[in-house]
Amino acid sequence: MHRHSDGKSLDETDRKILRLLRSNCRLTTQEIADQVGLSATPCWSRIKRMEESGVITGYVALLDPELVGRPDTVIVEVNIEQHDDDKIEAFSKYLLGMPEVTDAYLTTGEYDYVIIAAVDGTEGYEQFLRKKLLKFGGIRHTRSTFCLRRLKREPSPSV
């Protein structure tokens, strides 16, 4: 058994429920219960407990980037000029307002941030870079890499 932050253990039934939800969050409680060998009420209680404890943080629809007009993925590494708490918080909040940004990480190493952005080709990337990202005062340097092909995408870790 593994422990999560609230100190409660995830047993194998919890893990089965999480694997089912991870693969298809539109399953009904009854469908999940049938597959893990529970009745609906205890299954619902387990799911509710995992939601309340933060193990389950939400449910999403995964969109096809190409079909929504952002077929290209760019990895952008960013260095900012100042590393005080206010500047880091301000840039972090700035990133939250950009619809192109699908993932953003404050990192250690050569760059301060790693940003994953969905764009429409090189023109879309130029618009994102010049008209949005670089409008934030205090960016010292960026380095970008276009992804040729997505090999794996998992919205959450496996259990």
N, C-alpha and C. Protein backbone atom coordinates (compact mmCIF):
# COMPACT_ATOMS: atom_id res chain seq x y z
N MET A 1 0.83 -1.18 0.00
CA MET A 1 0.00 0.00 0.00
C MET A 1 0.87 1.24 0.00
N HIS A 2 0.39 2.28 -0.66
CA HIS A 2 1.08 3.57 -0.68
C HIS A 2 0.25 4.57 0.11
N ARG A 3 0.89 5.55 0.63
CA ARG A 3 0.20 6.56 1.44
C ARG A 3 0.13 7.86 0.64
N HIS A 4 -0.98 8.57 0.79
CA HIS A 4 -1.05 9.90 0.20
C HIS A 4 -1.14 10.92 1.31
N SER A 5 -1.18 12.17 0.94
CA SER A 5 -0.90 13.26 1.87
C SER A 5 -1.80 13.31 3.10
N ASP A 6 -3.02 12.80 3.02
CA ASP A 6 -3.87 12.88 4.20
C ASP A 6 -3.65 11.70 5.14
N GLY A 7 -2.70 10.83 4.83
CA GLY A 7 -2.34 9.73 5.72
C GLY A 7 -3.16 8.47 5.51
N LYS A 8 -4.17 8.51 4.65
CA LYS A 8 -4.97 7.30 4.40
C LYS A 8 -4.30 6.48 3.32
N SER A 9 -4.51 5.18 3.38
CA SER A 9 -3.87 4.29 2.42
C SER A 9 -4.77 4.07 1.21
N LEU A 10 -4.13 3.91 0.07
CA LEU A 10 -4.83 3.46 -1.13
C LEU A 10 -4.69 1.96 -1.21
N ASP A 11 -5.80 1.25 -1.16
CA ASP A 11 -5.71 -0.20 -1.30
C ASP A 11 -5.87 -0.57 -2.77
N GLU A 12 -5.82 -1.85 -3.05
CA GLU A 12 -5.88 -2.29 -4.45
C GLU A 12 -7.22 -1.93 -5.10
N THR A 13 -8.30 -1.94 -4.35
CA THR A 13 -9.61 -1.55 -4.92
C THR A 13 -9.60 -0.08 -5.30
N ASP A 14 -9.02 0.78 -4.43
CA ASP A 14 -8.88 2.20 -4.79
C ASP A 14 -8.09 2.34 -6.08
N ARG A 15 -7.00 1.61 -6.19
CA ARG A 15 -6.15 1.69 -7.38
C ARG A 15 -6.89 1.22 -8.63
N LYS A 16 -7.70 0.18 -8.51
CA LYS A 16 -8.50 -0.28 -9.65
C LYS A 16 -9.48 0.81 -10.08
N ILE A 17 -10.11 1.44 -9.09
CA ILE A 17 -11.05 2.53 -9.39
C ILE A 17 -10.31 3.66 -10.11
N LEU A 18 -9.14 4.03 -9.60
CA LEU A 18 -8.37 5.11 -10.21
C LEU A 18 -7.94 4.76 -11.63
N ARG A 19 -7.54 3.51 -11.86
CA ARG A 19 -7.16 3.11 -13.23
C ARG A 19 -8.35 3.20 -14.18
N LEU A 20 -9.51 2.79 -13.71
CA LEU A 20 -10.71 2.88 -14.55
C LEU A 20 -11.06 4.33 -14.86
N LEU A 21 -11.04 5.18 -13.84
CA LEU A 21 -11.35 6.60 -14.06
C LEU A 21 -10.32 7.27 -14.94
N ARG A 22 -9.07 6.87 -14.78
CA ARG A 22 -7.99 7.45 -15.58
C ARG A 22 -8.19 7.12 -17.06
N SER A 23 -8.67 5.92 -17.34
CA SER A 23 -8.86 5.53 -18.74
C SER A 23 -10.18 6.02 -19.32
N ASN A 24 -11.19 6.22 -18.45
CA ASN A 24 -12.48 6.72 -18.93
C ASN A 24 -13.25 7.31 -17.75
N CYS A 25 -13.16 8.61 -17.58
CA CYS A 25 -13.82 9.25 -16.44
C CYS A 25 -15.32 9.39 -16.63
N ARG A 26 -15.83 8.94 -17.76
CA ARG A 26 -17.27 9.02 -18.00
C ARG A 26 -18.01 7.75 -17.59
N LEU A 27 -17.27 6.77 -17.05
CA LEU A 27 -17.92 5.57 -16.55
C LEU A 27 -18.86 5.95 -15.41
N THR A 28 -19.98 5.27 -15.32
CA THR A 28 -20.88 5.51 -14.19
C THR A 28 -20.33 4.80 -12.96
N THR A 29 -20.81 5.23 -11.81
CA THR A 29 -20.40 4.57 -10.57
C THR A 29 -20.76 3.10 -10.62
N GLN A 30 -21.91 2.77 -11.17
CA GLN A 30 -22.31 1.36 -11.26
C GLN A 30 -21.37 0.58 -12.17
N GLU A 31 -20.96 1.15 -13.29
CA GLU A 31 -20.02 0.46 -14.18
C GLU A 31 -18.68 0.21 -13.49
N ILE A 32 -18.22 1.21 -12.74
CA ILE A 32 -16.97 1.05 -12.00
C ILE A 32 -17.14 -0.02 -10.93
N ALA A 33 -18.23 0.07 -10.18
CA ALA A 33 -18.49 -0.90 -9.11
C ALA A 33 -18.51 -2.32 -9.65
N ASP A 34 -19.16 -2.52 -10.78
CA ASP A 34 -19.22 -3.87 -11.38
C ASP A 34 -17.83 -4.38 -11.71
N GLN A 35 -16.97 -3.51 -12.20
CA GLN A 35 -15.64 -3.95 -12.63
C GLN A 35 -14.67 -4.18 -11.47
N VAL A 36 -14.93 -3.54 -10.32
CA VAL A 36 -14.03 -3.74 -9.17
C VAL A 36 -14.62 -4.66 -8.12
N GLY A 37 -15.84 -5.14 -8.33
CA GLY A 37 -16.45 -6.09 -7.41
C GLY A 37 -17.07 -5.47 -6.17
N LEU A 38 -17.61 -4.28 -6.31
CA LEU A 38 -18.31 -3.62 -5.21
C LEU A 38 -19.74 -3.33 -5.62
N SER A 39 -20.57 -2.97 -4.66
CA SER A 39 -21.87 -2.40 -5.00
C SER A 39 -21.67 -0.90 -5.21
N ALA A 40 -22.69 -0.24 -5.75
CA ALA A 40 -22.55 1.16 -6.14
C ALA A 40 -22.25 2.09 -4.97
N THR A 41 -22.90 1.90 -3.83
CA THR A 41 -22.73 2.83 -2.71
C THR A 41 -21.31 2.83 -2.15
N PRO A 42 -20.71 1.67 -1.84
CA PRO A 42 -19.32 1.72 -1.36
C PRO A 42 -18.34 2.23 -2.42
N CYS A 43 -18.63 1.96 -3.67
CA CYS A 43 -17.77 2.47 -4.75
C CYS A 43 -17.86 3.99 -4.80
N TRP A 44 -19.07 4.52 -4.74
CA TRP A 44 -19.26 5.97 -4.72
C TRP A 44 -18.55 6.59 -3.52
N SER A 45 -18.64 5.94 -2.35
CA SER A 45 -17.98 6.45 -1.14
C SER A 45 -16.47 6.51 -1.32
N ARG A 46 -15.90 5.50 -1.94
CA ARG A 46 -14.45 5.50 -2.18
C ARG A 46 -14.05 6.64 -3.13
N ILE A 47 -14.82 6.80 -4.20
CA ILE A 47 -14.52 7.87 -5.15
C ILE A 47 -14.64 9.23 -4.45
N LYS A 48 -15.69 9.42 -3.69
CA LYS A 48 -15.89 10.68 -2.97
C LYS A 48 -14.74 10.93 -2.00
N ARG A 49 -14.31 9.91 -1.27
CA ARG A 49 -13.19 10.05 -0.33
C ARG A 49 -11.93 10.47 -1.07
N MET A 50 -11.67 9.85 -2.24
CA MET A 50 -10.46 10.19 -3.00
C MET A 50 -10.55 11.59 -3.59
N GLU A 51 -11.76 12.05 -3.94
CA GLU A 51 -11.93 13.43 -4.39
C GLU A 51 -11.67 14.40 -3.23
N GLU A 52 -12.26 14.13 -2.10
CA GLU A 52 -12.13 15.03 -0.95
C GLU A 52 -10.71 15.08 -0.40
N SER A 53 -9.98 13.97 -0.50
CA SER A 53 -8.61 13.95 0.02
C SER A 53 -7.60 14.50 -0.98
N GLY A 54 -8.05 14.77 -2.22
CA GLY A 54 -7.16 15.35 -3.21
C GLY A 54 -6.45 14.34 -4.10
N VAL A 55 -6.71 13.05 -3.92
CA VAL A 55 -6.12 12.06 -4.81
C VAL A 55 -6.68 12.27 -6.22
N ILE A 56 -7.98 12.46 -6.32
CA ILE A 56 -8.63 12.82 -7.58
C ILE A 56 -8.79 14.34 -7.56
N THR A 57 -8.12 15.02 -8.50
CA THR A 57 -8.16 16.49 -8.50
C THR A 57 -9.15 17.06 -9.50
N GLY A 58 -9.70 16.25 -10.38
CA GLY A 58 -10.67 16.75 -11.34
C GLY A 58 -10.88 15.77 -12.47
N TYR A 59 -11.76 16.13 -13.36
CA TYR A 59 -12.10 15.32 -14.52
C TYR A 59 -12.03 16.23 -15.75
N VAL A 60 -11.46 15.73 -16.84
CA VAL A 60 -11.28 16.58 -18.02
C VAL A 60 -11.65 15.85 -19.30
N ALA A 61 -11.90 16.64 -20.33
CA ALA A 61 -12.01 16.14 -21.70
C ALA A 61 -10.70 16.48 -22.39
N LEU A 62 -10.07 15.50 -23.01
CA LEU A 62 -8.82 15.74 -23.74
C LEU A 62 -9.17 16.11 -25.17
N LEU A 63 -8.64 17.24 -25.62
CA LEU A 63 -8.95 17.76 -26.94
C LEU A 63 -7.84 17.40 -27.92
N ASP A 64 -8.22 17.17 -29.16
CA ASP A 64 -7.24 16.92 -30.21
C ASP A 64 -6.69 18.27 -30.66
N PRO A 65 -5.38 18.52 -30.42
CA PRO A 65 -4.81 19.83 -30.75
C PRO A 65 -5.01 20.23 -32.21
N GLU A 66 -4.91 19.28 -33.10
CA GLU A 66 -5.06 19.59 -34.53
C GLU A 66 -6.48 20.05 -34.84
N LEU A 67 -7.46 19.36 -34.27
CA LEU A 67 -8.85 19.68 -34.57
C LEU A 67 -9.33 20.97 -33.92
N VAL A 68 -8.60 21.48 -32.92
CA VAL A 68 -8.96 22.77 -32.32
C VAL A 68 -8.05 23.89 -32.80
N GLY A 69 -7.25 23.63 -33.84
CA GLY A 69 -6.47 24.67 -34.49
C GLY A 69 -5.11 24.95 -33.88
N ARG A 70 -4.60 24.06 -33.05
CA ARG A 70 -3.26 24.22 -32.47
C ARG A 70 -2.49 22.91 -32.61
N PRO A 71 -2.14 22.55 -33.83
CA PRO A 71 -1.57 21.23 -34.07
C PRO A 71 -0.11 21.06 -33.66
N ASP A 72 0.60 22.15 -33.40
CA ASP A 72 2.03 22.04 -33.12
C ASP A 72 2.33 22.28 -31.65
N THR A 73 3.27 21.51 -31.14
CA THR A 73 3.69 21.64 -29.75
C THR A 73 5.10 22.20 -29.72
N VAL A 74 5.28 23.21 -28.87
CA VAL A 74 6.58 23.84 -28.70
C VAL A 74 6.96 23.76 -27.22
N ILE A 75 8.21 23.40 -26.97
CA ILE A 75 8.76 23.45 -25.63
C ILE A 75 9.58 24.72 -25.53
N VAL A 76 9.24 25.57 -24.59
CA VAL A 76 9.93 26.85 -24.44
C VAL A 76 10.59 26.87 -23.06
N GLU A 77 11.89 27.10 -23.07
CA GLU A 77 12.63 27.24 -21.82
C GLU A 77 12.87 28.74 -21.61
N VAL A 78 12.65 29.19 -20.39
CA VAL A 78 12.69 30.63 -20.11
C VAL A 78 13.58 30.91 -18.90
N ASN A 79 14.40 31.94 -19.04
CA ASN A 79 15.12 32.50 -17.89
C ASN A 79 14.57 33.89 -17.63
N ILE A 80 14.30 34.17 -16.37
CA ILE A 80 13.87 35.50 -16.00
C ILE A 80 15.04 36.23 -15.34
N GLU A 81 14.99 37.56 -15.38
CA GLU A 81 16.11 38.36 -14.88
C GLU A 81 16.21 38.35 -13.36
N GLN A 82 15.09 38.43 -12.68
CA GLN A 82 15.09 38.47 -11.23
C GLN A 82 14.43 37.22 -10.67
N HIS A 83 14.94 36.75 -9.54
CA HIS A 83 14.42 35.51 -8.97
C HIS A 83 13.79 35.73 -7.60
N ASP A 84 13.34 36.95 -7.35
CA ASP A 84 12.67 37.18 -6.07
C ASP A 84 11.26 36.58 -6.12
N ASP A 85 10.69 36.36 -4.97
CA ASP A 85 9.38 35.71 -4.87
C ASP A 85 8.31 36.44 -5.67
N ASP A 86 8.31 37.77 -5.63
CA ASP A 86 7.29 38.54 -6.33
C ASP A 86 7.37 38.32 -7.84
N LYS A 87 8.57 38.32 -8.39
CA LYS A 87 8.73 38.14 -9.85
C LYS A 87 8.34 36.73 -10.26
N ILE A 88 8.74 35.75 -9.47
CA ILE A 88 8.38 34.35 -9.77
C ILE A 88 6.86 34.18 -9.73
N GLU A 89 6.22 34.73 -8.71
CA GLU A 89 4.76 34.63 -8.62
C GLU A 89 4.08 35.36 -9.76
N ALA A 90 4.58 36.54 -10.11
CA ALA A 90 3.98 37.33 -11.19
C ALA A 90 4.07 36.59 -12.52
N PHE A 91 5.24 36.00 -12.81
CA PHE A 91 5.39 35.28 -14.08
C PHE A 91 4.54 34.02 -14.08
N SER A 92 4.49 33.34 -12.96
CA SER A 92 3.65 32.13 -12.86
C SER A 92 2.19 32.47 -13.14
N LYS A 93 1.68 33.55 -12.58
CA LYS A 93 0.30 33.98 -12.82
C LYS A 93 0.11 34.41 -14.27
N TYR A 94 1.11 35.06 -14.84
CA TYR A 94 1.05 35.50 -16.22
C TYR A 94 0.84 34.30 -17.16
N LEU A 95 1.55 33.22 -16.88
CA LEU A 95 1.43 32.02 -17.71
C LEU A 95 0.03 31.42 -17.65
N LEU A 96 -0.62 31.53 -16.50
CA LEU A 96 -1.96 30.96 -16.34
C LEU A 96 -2.97 31.58 -17.30
N GLY A 97 -2.72 32.82 -17.72
CA GLY A 97 -3.65 33.51 -18.60
C GLY A 97 -3.44 33.26 -20.09
N MET A 98 -2.53 32.37 -20.44
CA MET A 98 -2.24 32.11 -21.84
C MET A 98 -2.88 30.79 -22.28
N PRO A 99 -3.87 30.86 -23.17
CA PRO A 99 -4.54 29.63 -23.58
C PRO A 99 -3.64 28.65 -24.34
N GLU A 100 -2.57 29.15 -24.93
CA GLU A 100 -1.65 28.26 -25.66
C GLU A 100 -0.85 27.37 -24.72
N VAL A 101 -0.65 27.82 -23.49
CA VAL A 101 0.19 27.08 -22.54
C VAL A 101 -0.60 25.92 -21.96
N THR A 102 -0.12 24.71 -22.22
CA THR A 102 -0.78 23.52 -21.68
C THR A 102 -0.11 23.01 -20.42
N ASP A 103 1.17 23.29 -20.27
CA ASP A 103 1.93 22.89 -19.08
C ASP A 103 2.98 23.96 -18.83
N ALA A 104 3.25 24.22 -17.57
CA ALA A 104 4.30 25.16 -17.22
C ALA A 104 4.93 24.69 -15.91
N TYR A 105 6.25 24.68 -15.89
CA TYR A 105 6.99 24.18 -14.74
C TYR A 105 8.05 25.18 -14.31
N LEU A 106 8.14 25.44 -13.02
CA LEU A 106 9.26 26.15 -12.43
C LEU A 106 10.30 25.08 -12.18
N THR A 107 11.51 25.27 -12.72
CA THR A 107 12.48 24.18 -12.72
C THR A 107 13.82 24.59 -12.10
N THR A 108 14.62 23.57 -11.85
CA THR A 108 16.02 23.78 -11.49
C THR A 108 16.84 23.61 -12.76
N GLY A 109 18.11 23.92 -12.69
CA GLY A 109 18.98 23.71 -13.84
C GLY A 109 19.22 24.98 -14.62
N GLU A 110 19.48 24.81 -15.90
CA GLU A 110 19.90 25.91 -16.75
C GLU A 110 18.80 26.95 -16.96
N TYR A 111 17.54 26.52 -16.99
CA TYR A 111 16.42 27.44 -17.23
C TYR A 111 15.51 27.48 -16.02
N ASP A 112 14.85 28.62 -15.83
CA ASP A 112 13.96 28.81 -14.69
C ASP A 112 12.60 28.16 -14.91
N TYR A 113 12.13 28.18 -16.14
CA TYR A 113 10.81 27.64 -16.48
C TYR A 113 10.91 26.77 -17.72
N VAL A 114 10.07 25.74 -17.77
CA VAL A 114 9.83 24.98 -18.98
C VAL A 114 8.34 25.08 -19.26
N ILE A 115 8.01 25.53 -20.46
CA ILE A 115 6.63 25.77 -20.85
C ILE A 115 6.32 24.91 -22.07
N ILE A 116 5.18 24.25 -22.05
CA ILE A 116 4.70 23.50 -23.21
C ILE A 116 3.54 24.31 -23.78
N ALA A 117 3.63 24.64 -25.07
CA ALA A 117 2.59 25.46 -25.70
C ALA A 117 2.08 24.77 -26.95
N ALA A 118 0.78 24.88 -27.18
CA ALA A 118 0.14 24.38 -28.39
C ALA A 118 -0.11 25.58 -29.30
N VAL A 119 0.46 25.52 -30.50
CA VAL A 119 0.39 26.66 -31.43
C VAL A 119 0.01 26.18 -32.82
N ASP A 120 -0.32 27.14 -33.68
CA ASP A 120 -0.64 26.84 -35.07
C ASP A 120 0.55 27.20 -35.94
N GLY A 121 1.51 26.29 -36.01
CA GLY A 121 2.67 26.47 -36.87
C GLY A 121 3.63 27.53 -36.38
N THR A 122 4.59 27.85 -37.27
CA THR A 122 5.61 28.83 -36.89
C THR A 122 5.01 30.23 -36.74
N GLU A 123 4.00 30.54 -37.55
CA GLU A 123 3.35 31.85 -37.40
C GLU A 123 2.63 31.95 -36.07
N GLY A 124 1.94 30.89 -35.69
CA GLY A 124 1.27 30.88 -34.40
C GLY A 124 2.26 30.97 -33.26
N TYR A 125 3.40 30.33 -33.43
CA TYR A 125 4.42 30.40 -32.39
C TYR A 125 5.01 31.81 -32.30
N GLU A 126 5.26 32.42 -33.45
CA GLU A 126 5.79 33.78 -33.42
C GLU A 126 4.82 34.73 -32.71
N GLN A 127 3.53 34.59 -33.00
CA GLN A 127 2.52 35.42 -32.33
C GLN A 127 2.54 35.17 -30.82
N PHE A 128 2.59 33.91 -30.43
CA PHE A 128 2.64 33.56 -29.01
C PHE A 128 3.88 34.16 -28.35
N LEU A 129 5.03 33.99 -28.99
CA LEU A 129 6.29 34.45 -28.41
C LEU A 129 6.35 35.97 -28.32
N ARG A 130 6.17 36.63 -29.46
CA ARG A 130 6.38 38.08 -29.50
C ARG A 130 5.24 38.87 -28.87
N LYS A 131 4.00 38.45 -29.11
CA LYS A 131 2.86 39.25 -28.67
C LYS A 131 2.33 38.87 -27.30
N LYS A 132 2.80 37.73 -26.77
CA LYS A 132 2.32 37.32 -25.45
C LYS A 132 3.47 37.08 -24.49
N LEU A 133 4.23 36.04 -24.73
CA LEU A 133 5.25 35.63 -23.75
C LEU A 133 6.25 36.75 -23.47
N LEU A 134 6.83 37.33 -24.52
CA LEU A 134 7.88 38.34 -24.33
C LEU A 134 7.33 39.70 -23.91
N LYS A 135 6.02 39.84 -23.82
CA LYS A 135 5.43 41.08 -23.30
C LYS A 135 5.59 41.16 -21.79
N PHE A 136 5.92 40.03 -21.15
CA PHE A 136 6.18 40.06 -19.72
C PHE A 136 7.54 40.68 -19.50
N GLY A 137 7.59 41.75 -18.77
CA GLY A 137 8.86 42.41 -18.50
C GLY A 137 9.74 41.56 -17.60
N GLY A 138 10.98 41.41 -17.98
CA GLY A 138 11.90 40.69 -17.12
C GLY A 138 12.32 39.32 -17.62
N ILE A 139 12.01 38.99 -18.86
CA ILE A 139 12.51 37.73 -19.43
C ILE A 139 13.90 38.01 -19.99
N ARG A 140 14.86 37.25 -19.54
CA ARG A 140 16.25 37.43 -19.98
C ARG A 140 16.52 36.65 -21.26
N HIS A 141 16.02 35.39 -21.32
CA HIS A 141 16.38 34.53 -22.45
C HIS A 141 15.33 33.44 -22.60
N THR A 142 15.08 33.05 -23.86
CA THR A 142 14.23 31.89 -24.13
C THR A 142 14.94 30.98 -25.12
N ARG A 143 14.59 29.73 -25.07
CA ARG A 143 15.05 28.75 -26.06
C ARG A 143 13.85 27.86 -26.37
N SER A 144 13.61 27.63 -27.65
CA SER A 144 12.42 26.89 -28.08
C SER A 144 12.78 25.69 -28.91
N THR A 145 11.96 24.67 -28.78
CA THR A 145 12.10 23.44 -29.54
C THR A 145 10.73 23.02 -30.04
N PHE A 146 10.58 22.84 -31.36
CA PHE A 146 9.34 22.31 -31.91
C PHE A 146 9.35 20.80 -31.78
N CYS A 147 8.24 20.24 -31.35
CA CYS A 147 8.10 18.78 -31.26
C CYS A 147 7.70 18.25 -32.63
N LEU A 148 8.36 17.19 -33.05
CA LEU A 148 8.03 16.58 -34.34
C LEU A 148 6.82 15.67 -34.25
N ARG A 149 6.73 14.94 -33.13
CA ARG A 149 5.64 13.98 -32.97
C ARG A 149 5.48 13.68 -31.49
N ARG A 150 4.25 13.60 -31.02
CA ARG A 150 3.99 13.22 -29.62
C ARG A 150 4.07 11.70 -29.55
N LEU A 151 4.92 11.22 -28.68
CA LEU A 151 5.09 9.79 -28.51
C LEU A 151 4.24 9.25 -27.37
N LYS A 152 4.02 10.08 -26.37
CA LYS A 152 3.20 9.66 -25.23
C LYS A 152 2.63 10.89 -24.57
N ARG A 153 1.40 10.77 -24.15
CA ARG A 153 0.77 11.84 -23.38
C ARG A 153 -0.12 11.19 -22.34
N GLU A 154 0.19 11.42 -21.12
CA GLU A 154 -0.62 10.92 -20.02
C GLU A 154 -1.03 12.10 -19.17
N PRO A 155 -2.31 12.29 -18.94
CA PRO A 155 -2.75 13.44 -18.15
C PRO A 155 -2.48 13.29 -16.66
N SER A 156 -2.20 12.08 -16.21
CA SER A 156 -1.90 11.85 -14.80
C SER A 156 -1.07 10.58 -14.67
N PRO A 157 -0.39 10.42 -13.55
CA PRO A 157 0.44 9.23 -13.39
C PRO A 157 -0.39 7.96 -13.25
N SER A 158 0.19 6.86 -13.63
CA SER A 158 -0.47 5.57 -13.48
C SER A 158 -0.38 5.12 -12.03
N VAL A 159 -1.35 4.34 -11.59
CA VAL A 159 -1.32 3.80 -10.22
C VAL A 159 -1.34 2.28 -10.23
